[in-house]
N, C-alpha and C. Protein backbone atom coordinates (compact mmCIF):
# COMPACT_ATOMS: atom_id res chain seq x y z
N MET A 1 0.84 -1.18 0.00
CA MET A 1 0.00 0.00 0.00
C MET A 1 0.88 1.23 0.00
N ALA A 2 0.51 2.22 -0.78
CA ALA A 2 1.26 3.47 -0.85
C ALA A 2 0.49 4.59 -0.15
N TRP A 3 1.24 5.59 0.28
CA TRP A 3 0.67 6.75 0.95
C TRP A 3 1.27 8.00 0.34
N PHE A 4 0.45 9.01 0.11
CA PHE A 4 0.93 10.29 -0.38
C PHE A 4 0.52 11.37 0.61
N ASP A 5 1.49 12.05 1.16
CA ASP A 5 1.25 13.07 2.20
C ASP A 5 0.30 12.58 3.29
N GLY A 6 0.50 11.34 3.71
CA GLY A 6 -0.27 10.78 4.81
C GLY A 6 -1.64 10.23 4.44
N LYS A 7 -1.97 10.24 3.15
CA LYS A 7 -3.27 9.71 2.71
C LYS A 7 -3.03 8.47 1.84
N GLU A 8 -3.89 7.48 2.00
CA GLU A 8 -3.79 6.28 1.17
C GLU A 8 -3.85 6.67 -0.30
N ALA A 9 -3.04 6.00 -1.12
CA ALA A 9 -2.91 6.39 -2.52
C ALA A 9 -2.94 5.18 -3.46
N VAL A 10 -3.43 5.42 -4.67
CA VAL A 10 -3.36 4.46 -5.76
C VAL A 10 -2.26 4.98 -6.68
N VAL A 11 -1.29 4.12 -6.99
CA VAL A 11 -0.16 4.50 -7.84
C VAL A 11 -0.22 3.69 -9.13
N VAL A 12 -0.16 4.39 -10.26
CA VAL A 12 -0.20 3.74 -11.58
C VAL A 12 1.04 4.17 -12.35
N ARG A 13 1.86 3.17 -12.71
CA ARG A 13 3.07 3.45 -13.51
C ARG A 13 2.82 3.02 -14.94
N GLU A 14 3.09 3.93 -15.88
CA GLU A 14 2.94 3.60 -17.29
C GLU A 14 3.84 4.50 -18.14
N ALA A 15 4.62 3.89 -19.00
CA ALA A 15 5.45 4.58 -19.99
C ALA A 15 6.26 5.75 -19.42
N GLY A 16 7.00 5.51 -18.35
CA GLY A 16 7.86 6.55 -17.80
C GLY A 16 7.15 7.60 -16.97
N THR A 17 5.87 7.43 -16.73
CA THR A 17 5.10 8.39 -15.93
C THR A 17 4.45 7.66 -14.77
N ILE A 18 4.45 8.29 -13.64
CA ILE A 18 3.76 7.77 -12.46
C ILE A 18 2.60 8.70 -12.14
N ASN A 19 1.40 8.15 -12.05
CA ASN A 19 0.22 8.90 -11.65
C ASN A 19 -0.20 8.42 -10.27
N ILE A 20 -0.47 9.35 -9.39
CA ILE A 20 -0.88 9.04 -8.02
C ILE A 20 -2.23 9.71 -7.78
N PHE A 21 -3.17 8.92 -7.28
CA PHE A 21 -4.50 9.40 -6.96
C PHE A 21 -4.70 9.21 -5.46
N TYR A 22 -5.15 10.24 -4.76
CA TYR A 22 -5.26 10.14 -3.30
C TYR A 22 -6.35 11.09 -2.79
N GLY A 23 -6.85 10.80 -1.62
CA GLY A 23 -7.77 11.71 -0.95
C GLY A 23 -9.19 11.74 -1.48
N GLY A 24 -9.58 10.74 -2.29
CA GLY A 24 -10.93 10.71 -2.84
C GLY A 24 -11.96 10.19 -1.84
N SER A 25 -13.21 10.35 -2.18
CA SER A 25 -14.30 9.83 -1.34
C SER A 25 -14.37 8.32 -1.43
N PHE A 26 -14.35 7.65 -0.32
CA PHE A 26 -14.48 6.20 -0.16
C PHE A 26 -13.26 5.42 -0.64
N THR A 27 -12.59 5.84 -1.70
CA THR A 27 -11.36 5.21 -2.19
C THR A 27 -10.37 6.32 -2.55
N PRO A 28 -9.07 6.01 -2.56
CA PRO A 28 -8.09 7.05 -2.89
C PRO A 28 -8.36 7.73 -4.23
N ASP A 29 -8.88 6.98 -5.20
CA ASP A 29 -9.13 7.55 -6.53
C ASP A 29 -10.61 7.87 -6.75
N GLY A 30 -11.37 7.96 -5.66
CA GLY A 30 -12.79 8.26 -5.75
C GLY A 30 -13.07 9.72 -6.05
N TYR A 31 -14.33 10.07 -6.04
CA TYR A 31 -14.78 11.43 -6.35
C TYR A 31 -13.99 12.45 -5.53
N GLY A 32 -13.52 13.50 -6.19
CA GLY A 32 -12.81 14.58 -5.51
C GLY A 32 -11.36 14.28 -5.19
N HIS A 33 -10.80 13.25 -5.81
CA HIS A 33 -9.43 12.84 -5.50
C HIS A 33 -8.41 13.90 -5.94
N GLY A 34 -7.25 13.84 -5.30
CA GLY A 34 -6.11 14.62 -5.74
C GLY A 34 -5.34 13.83 -6.78
N HIS A 35 -4.56 14.50 -7.60
CA HIS A 35 -3.83 13.83 -8.66
C HIS A 35 -2.43 14.42 -8.74
N VAL A 36 -1.46 13.51 -8.78
CA VAL A 36 -0.06 13.90 -8.92
C VAL A 36 0.52 13.11 -10.09
N LYS A 37 1.27 13.80 -10.94
CA LYS A 37 1.96 13.15 -12.06
C LYS A 37 3.44 13.43 -11.89
N ALA A 38 4.25 12.36 -11.96
CA ALA A 38 5.70 12.50 -11.81
C ALA A 38 6.40 11.83 -12.98
N GLN A 39 7.54 12.38 -13.36
CA GLN A 39 8.32 11.81 -14.46
C GLN A 39 9.80 11.87 -14.12
N GLY A 40 10.58 11.05 -14.84
CA GLY A 40 12.02 11.03 -14.66
C GLY A 40 12.45 9.94 -13.71
N GLY A 41 13.41 9.15 -14.09
CA GLY A 41 13.91 8.07 -13.25
C GLY A 41 12.91 6.93 -13.15
N ALA A 42 13.32 5.88 -12.47
CA ALA A 42 12.49 4.67 -12.35
C ALA A 42 11.22 4.91 -11.54
N PHE A 43 11.28 5.83 -10.59
CA PHE A 43 10.12 6.08 -9.73
C PHE A 43 9.61 7.50 -9.83
N GLY A 44 9.87 8.17 -10.93
CA GLY A 44 9.37 9.53 -11.10
C GLY A 44 10.06 10.50 -10.19
N GLU A 45 11.17 11.01 -10.61
CA GLU A 45 11.96 11.91 -9.79
C GLU A 45 11.25 13.22 -9.48
N SER A 46 10.60 13.82 -10.46
CA SER A 46 10.04 15.16 -10.29
C SER A 46 8.53 15.19 -10.48
N ILE A 47 7.86 15.90 -9.62
CA ILE A 47 6.42 16.12 -9.77
C ILE A 47 6.23 17.20 -10.83
N VAL A 48 5.46 16.88 -11.86
CA VAL A 48 5.21 17.84 -12.93
C VAL A 48 3.78 18.36 -12.92
N TYR A 49 2.91 17.70 -12.16
CA TYR A 49 1.52 18.15 -12.02
C TYR A 49 1.01 17.70 -10.66
N TRP A 50 0.31 18.59 -9.97
CA TRP A 50 -0.23 18.24 -8.65
C TRP A 50 -1.50 19.05 -8.41
N ARG A 51 -2.61 18.34 -8.27
CA ARG A 51 -3.89 18.95 -7.91
C ARG A 51 -4.31 18.38 -6.56
N LEU A 52 -4.60 19.24 -5.63
CA LEU A 52 -5.03 18.80 -4.31
C LEU A 52 -6.41 18.16 -4.39
N PRO A 53 -6.73 17.26 -3.44
CA PRO A 53 -8.09 16.72 -3.39
C PRO A 53 -9.08 17.83 -3.03
N ASP A 54 -10.33 17.61 -3.36
CA ASP A 54 -11.37 18.60 -3.04
C ASP A 54 -11.41 18.93 -1.56
N SER A 55 -11.12 17.94 -0.71
CA SER A 55 -11.15 18.18 0.73
C SER A 55 -10.08 19.18 1.18
N GLU A 56 -9.09 19.44 0.31
CA GLU A 56 -8.04 20.42 0.61
C GLU A 56 -8.13 21.62 -0.34
N GLY A 57 -9.24 21.76 -1.03
CA GLY A 57 -9.45 22.93 -1.88
C GLY A 57 -9.42 22.66 -3.37
N GLY A 58 -8.86 21.53 -3.81
CA GLY A 58 -8.86 21.17 -5.22
C GLY A 58 -7.98 22.03 -6.11
N THR A 59 -7.13 22.82 -5.51
CA THR A 59 -6.26 23.74 -6.26
C THR A 59 -5.13 23.00 -6.96
N VAL A 60 -4.77 23.45 -8.16
CA VAL A 60 -3.59 22.94 -8.84
C VAL A 60 -2.38 23.64 -8.22
N VAL A 61 -1.50 22.86 -7.60
CA VAL A 61 -0.34 23.38 -6.91
C VAL A 61 0.85 23.49 -7.86
N ILE A 62 1.01 22.48 -8.72
CA ILE A 62 2.11 22.46 -9.68
C ILE A 62 1.55 22.09 -11.04
N ASP A 63 1.87 22.90 -12.03
CA ASP A 63 1.56 22.59 -13.42
C ASP A 63 2.75 23.10 -14.23
N ASN A 64 3.89 22.46 -13.95
CA ASN A 64 5.15 22.95 -14.47
C ASN A 64 6.05 21.77 -14.79
N TRP A 65 6.34 21.58 -16.03
CA TRP A 65 7.16 20.43 -16.44
C TRP A 65 8.61 20.58 -16.01
N ALA A 66 8.98 21.70 -15.44
CA ALA A 66 10.35 21.90 -14.96
C ALA A 66 10.38 22.00 -13.43
N SER A 67 9.40 21.45 -12.78
CA SER A 67 9.30 21.53 -11.32
C SER A 67 10.49 20.84 -10.65
N SER A 68 10.87 21.34 -9.51
CA SER A 68 11.94 20.71 -8.73
C SER A 68 11.38 19.96 -7.52
N GLU A 69 10.07 19.88 -7.40
CA GLU A 69 9.43 19.16 -6.28
C GLU A 69 9.66 17.67 -6.47
N ARG A 70 10.21 17.01 -5.46
CA ARG A 70 10.55 15.59 -5.56
C ARG A 70 9.43 14.70 -5.04
N LEU A 71 9.07 13.70 -5.83
CA LEU A 71 8.04 12.74 -5.45
C LEU A 71 8.41 12.01 -4.18
N ALA A 72 9.66 11.62 -4.04
CA ALA A 72 10.11 10.84 -2.88
C ALA A 72 9.88 11.58 -1.56
N ASP A 73 9.75 12.90 -1.60
CA ASP A 73 9.50 13.66 -0.38
C ASP A 73 8.06 13.53 0.11
N HIS A 74 7.18 12.96 -0.71
CA HIS A 74 5.75 12.89 -0.38
C HIS A 74 5.20 11.46 -0.37
N LEU A 75 5.78 10.56 -1.14
CA LEU A 75 5.26 9.21 -1.33
C LEU A 75 5.97 8.23 -0.42
N SER A 76 5.22 7.36 0.25
CA SER A 76 5.83 6.33 1.10
C SER A 76 5.08 5.02 0.93
N GLY A 77 5.73 3.95 1.35
CA GLY A 77 5.10 2.63 1.35
C GLY A 77 5.17 1.91 0.02
N LEU A 78 5.74 2.54 -0.99
CA LEU A 78 5.80 1.92 -2.31
C LEU A 78 7.04 1.06 -2.46
N TRP A 79 8.13 1.45 -1.81
CA TRP A 79 9.39 0.75 -2.00
C TRP A 79 9.54 -0.36 -1.06
């Protein structure tokens, strides 16, 4: 089981991109979920997109393909 910022998360790896869904209603990827997209390296070195779950305002925090925010600083339980 994976966790993103302390919330249970669904992690989907495909073609060099990692998508993380967390904070949704009833399931991590349920209604109102947050979404994080990371790229680079085997486990997605950099977060390139991050939308908070509705319970935290639903704001897009990162929409920058040159972001320096590291996925490893937020994701746990996957390794």
